[in-house]
Amino acid sequence: MGNGYDAKAQPLPSTLRLATDALAASKEAREILGEQFVDHYVRTRDWECRQFESAVTKWELERYFEII
């Protein structure tokens, strides 16, 4: 744990994938929330990340259709 106002504090993860990985590796979260909860929650966020990563965005469609 640490002081949220301390400039030396570690920044929050910038993506859901990084946050999911941090939660999966967190000994503190596992102690406080329990192994089963953390494992289940991490699996649900992994699914969400895979869904997001497999989606084709409007920008991608517009960008790559203009090339062909």
N, C-alpha and C. Protein backbone atom coordinates (compact mmCIF):
# COMPACT_ATOMS: atom_id res chain seq x y z
N MET A 1 0.84 -1.17 0.00
CA MET A 1 0.00 0.00 0.00
C MET A 1 0.89 1.24 0.00
N GLY A 2 0.30 2.36 -0.20
CA GLY A 2 1.07 3.60 -0.20
C GLY A 2 0.17 4.80 -0.11
N ASN A 3 0.78 5.94 -0.19
CA ASN A 3 0.08 7.20 -0.13
C ASN A 3 -0.28 7.62 -1.55
N GLY A 4 -1.56 7.76 -1.84
CA GLY A 4 -2.01 8.13 -3.17
C GLY A 4 -1.57 9.51 -3.60
N TYR A 5 -1.19 10.33 -2.64
CA TYR A 5 -0.75 11.69 -2.95
C TYR A 5 0.76 11.79 -3.12
N ASP A 6 1.45 10.72 -2.85
CA ASP A 6 2.91 10.70 -2.96
C ASP A 6 3.31 10.64 -4.42
N ALA A 7 4.14 11.57 -4.85
CA ALA A 7 4.57 11.64 -6.25
C ALA A 7 5.34 10.39 -6.67
N LYS A 8 5.85 9.65 -5.71
CA LYS A 8 6.62 8.45 -6.02
C LYS A 8 5.73 7.21 -6.15
N ALA A 9 4.44 7.39 -5.92
CA ALA A 9 3.52 6.26 -6.00
C ALA A 9 3.48 5.71 -7.42
N GLN A 10 3.29 4.42 -7.52
CA GLN A 10 3.21 3.77 -8.82
C GLN A 10 1.92 4.19 -9.52
N PRO A 11 2.00 4.59 -10.80
CA PRO A 11 0.78 5.01 -11.50
C PRO A 11 -0.17 3.83 -11.73
N LEU A 12 -1.44 4.15 -11.88
CA LEU A 12 -2.42 3.11 -12.19
C LEU A 12 -2.19 2.57 -13.60
N PRO A 13 -2.53 1.32 -13.85
CA PRO A 13 -2.39 0.76 -15.20
C PRO A 13 -3.20 1.59 -16.21
N SER A 14 -2.65 1.73 -17.40
CA SER A 14 -3.30 2.58 -18.41
C SER A 14 -4.27 1.83 -19.32
N THR A 15 -4.31 0.51 -19.23
CA THR A 15 -5.23 -0.27 -20.05
C THR A 15 -5.87 -1.37 -19.19
N LEU A 16 -6.98 -1.89 -19.68
CA LEU A 16 -7.63 -3.00 -18.99
C LEU A 16 -6.71 -4.21 -18.95
N ARG A 17 -5.99 -4.46 -20.00
CA ARG A 17 -5.07 -5.61 -20.04
C ARG A 17 -4.01 -5.48 -18.94
N LEU A 18 -3.40 -4.30 -18.81
CA LEU A 18 -2.38 -4.10 -17.78
C LEU A 18 -2.98 -4.20 -16.38
N ALA A 19 -4.19 -3.67 -16.20
CA ALA A 19 -4.86 -3.76 -14.90
C ALA A 19 -5.19 -5.21 -14.56
N THR A 20 -5.62 -5.97 -15.54
CA THR A 20 -5.94 -7.38 -15.33
C THR A 20 -4.70 -8.16 -14.94
N ASP A 21 -3.61 -7.90 -15.64
CA ASP A 21 -2.34 -8.58 -15.31
C ASP A 21 -1.87 -8.22 -13.91
N ALA A 22 -2.03 -6.94 -13.54
CA ALA A 22 -1.62 -6.51 -12.20
C ALA A 22 -2.47 -7.18 -11.13
N LEU A 23 -3.77 -7.27 -11.36
CA LEU A 23 -4.65 -7.93 -10.40
C LEU A 23 -4.29 -9.41 -10.27
N ALA A 24 -4.05 -10.05 -11.38
CA ALA A 24 -3.71 -11.48 -11.36
C ALA A 24 -2.44 -11.74 -10.55
N ALA A 25 -1.51 -10.79 -10.58
CA ALA A 25 -0.23 -10.95 -9.89
C ALA A 25 -0.24 -10.40 -8.47
N SER A 26 -1.34 -9.81 -8.04
CA SER A 26 -1.38 -9.13 -6.75
C SER A 26 -1.60 -10.10 -5.59
N LYS A 27 -0.58 -10.23 -4.76
CA LYS A 27 -0.71 -11.06 -3.56
C LYS A 27 -1.71 -10.44 -2.59
N GLU A 28 -1.69 -9.10 -2.51
CA GLU A 28 -2.60 -8.41 -1.60
C GLU A 28 -4.06 -8.65 -1.98
N ALA A 29 -4.38 -8.54 -3.27
CA ALA A 29 -5.76 -8.76 -3.71
C ALA A 29 -6.19 -10.19 -3.41
N ARG A 30 -5.30 -11.14 -3.60
CA ARG A 30 -5.62 -12.54 -3.33
C ARG A 30 -5.86 -12.78 -1.84
N GLU A 31 -5.08 -12.09 -1.00
CA GLU A 31 -5.26 -12.24 0.45
C GLU A 31 -6.58 -11.61 0.90
N ILE A 32 -6.89 -10.42 0.36
CA ILE A 32 -8.08 -9.68 0.79
C ILE A 32 -9.36 -10.24 0.17
N LEU A 33 -9.33 -10.50 -1.13
CA LEU A 33 -10.53 -10.90 -1.86
C LEU A 33 -10.68 -12.42 -1.99
N GLY A 34 -9.59 -13.14 -1.86
CA GLY A 34 -9.61 -14.59 -2.00
C GLY A 34 -9.17 -15.04 -3.39
N GLU A 35 -8.54 -16.19 -3.41
CA GLU A 35 -8.03 -16.76 -4.67
C GLU A 35 -9.14 -16.97 -5.70
N GLN A 36 -10.25 -17.57 -5.27
CA GLN A 36 -11.33 -17.89 -6.20
C GLN A 36 -11.91 -16.63 -6.84
N PHE A 37 -12.14 -15.60 -6.03
CA PHE A 37 -12.71 -14.37 -6.59
C PHE A 37 -11.76 -13.74 -7.59
N VAL A 38 -10.49 -13.60 -7.22
CA VAL A 38 -9.51 -12.97 -8.12
C VAL A 38 -9.39 -13.77 -9.41
N ASP A 39 -9.27 -15.09 -9.31
CA ASP A 39 -9.15 -15.92 -10.51
C ASP A 39 -10.38 -15.76 -11.41
N HIS A 40 -11.56 -15.78 -10.81
CA HIS A 40 -12.80 -15.63 -11.60
C HIS A 40 -12.85 -14.24 -12.26
N TYR A 41 -12.59 -13.21 -11.49
CA TYR A 41 -12.66 -11.84 -12.02
C TYR A 41 -11.62 -11.64 -13.13
N VAL A 42 -10.42 -12.16 -12.93
CA VAL A 42 -9.38 -12.05 -13.96
C VAL A 42 -9.83 -12.75 -15.24
N ARG A 43 -10.45 -13.92 -15.12
CA ARG A 43 -10.95 -14.61 -16.31
C ARG A 43 -12.00 -13.78 -17.04
N THR A 44 -12.88 -13.10 -16.30
CA THR A 44 -13.91 -12.29 -16.96
C THR A 44 -13.28 -11.09 -17.67
N ARG A 45 -12.25 -10.50 -17.09
CA ARG A 45 -11.59 -9.36 -17.73
C ARG A 45 -10.73 -9.83 -18.91
N ASP A 46 -10.14 -11.02 -18.81
CA ASP A 46 -9.40 -11.58 -19.95
C ASP A 46 -10.34 -11.74 -21.14
N TRP A 47 -11.56 -12.25 -20.87
CA TRP A 47 -12.55 -12.40 -21.94
C TRP A 47 -12.87 -11.05 -22.55
N GLU A 48 -13.09 -10.04 -21.68
CA GLU A 48 -13.41 -8.70 -22.18
C GLU A 48 -12.26 -8.15 -23.03
N CYS A 49 -11.03 -8.35 -22.60
CA CYS A 49 -9.87 -7.89 -23.39
C CYS A 49 -9.82 -8.58 -24.74
N ARG A 50 -10.06 -9.88 -24.77
CA ARG A 50 -10.05 -10.61 -26.05
C ARG A 50 -11.14 -10.10 -26.98
N GLN A 51 -12.32 -9.82 -26.42
CA GLN A 51 -13.40 -9.28 -27.25
C GLN A 51 -13.01 -7.92 -27.84
N PHE A 52 -12.44 -7.07 -27.03
CA PHE A 52 -12.01 -5.75 -27.48
C PHE A 52 -10.92 -5.87 -28.55
N GLU A 53 -9.95 -6.74 -28.30
CA GLU A 53 -8.82 -6.89 -29.22
C GLU A 53 -9.24 -7.50 -30.56
N SER A 54 -10.34 -8.24 -30.58
CA SER A 54 -10.79 -8.87 -31.82
C SER A 54 -11.73 -7.96 -32.62
N ALA A 55 -12.17 -6.88 -32.04
CA ALA A 55 -13.10 -5.98 -32.72
C ALA A 55 -12.38 -5.12 -33.76
N VAL A 56 -13.05 -4.89 -34.85
CA VAL A 56 -12.54 -3.99 -35.88
C VAL A 56 -13.20 -2.64 -35.65
N THR A 57 -12.37 -1.62 -35.48
CA THR A 57 -12.92 -0.29 -35.17
C THR A 57 -13.35 0.44 -36.43
N LYS A 58 -14.16 1.46 -36.24
CA LYS A 58 -14.59 2.31 -37.35
C LYS A 58 -13.37 2.94 -38.02
N TRP A 59 -12.40 3.36 -37.23
CA TRP A 59 -11.19 3.97 -37.79
C TRP A 59 -10.47 2.97 -38.70
N GLU A 60 -10.33 1.72 -38.26
CA GLU A 60 -9.65 0.71 -39.08
C GLU A 60 -10.39 0.49 -40.39
N LEU A 61 -11.72 0.39 -40.32
CA LEU A 61 -12.50 0.19 -41.54
C LEU A 61 -12.29 1.35 -42.51
N GLU A 62 -12.43 2.56 -42.02
CA GLU A 62 -12.26 3.73 -42.88
C GLU A 62 -10.84 3.82 -43.43
N ARG A 63 -9.89 3.60 -42.60
CA ARG A 63 -8.47 3.72 -43.00
C ARG A 63 -8.12 2.69 -44.06
N TYR A 64 -8.47 1.45 -43.84
CA TYR A 64 -8.03 0.41 -44.76
C TYR A 64 -8.90 0.25 -45.98
N PHE A 65 -10.17 0.67 -45.91
CA PHE A 65 -10.99 0.65 -47.11
C PHE A 65 -10.57 1.75 -48.09
N GLU A 66 -10.02 2.85 -47.57
CA GLU A 66 -9.59 3.92 -48.46
C GLU A 66 -8.34 3.53 -49.24
N ILE A 67 -7.58 2.56 -48.73
CA ILE A 67 -6.36 2.10 -49.41
C ILE A 67 -6.70 1.26 -50.63
N ILE A 68 -7.78 0.45 -50.55
CA ILE A 68 -8.08 -0.47 -51.64
C ILE A 68 -9.05 0.09 -52.62
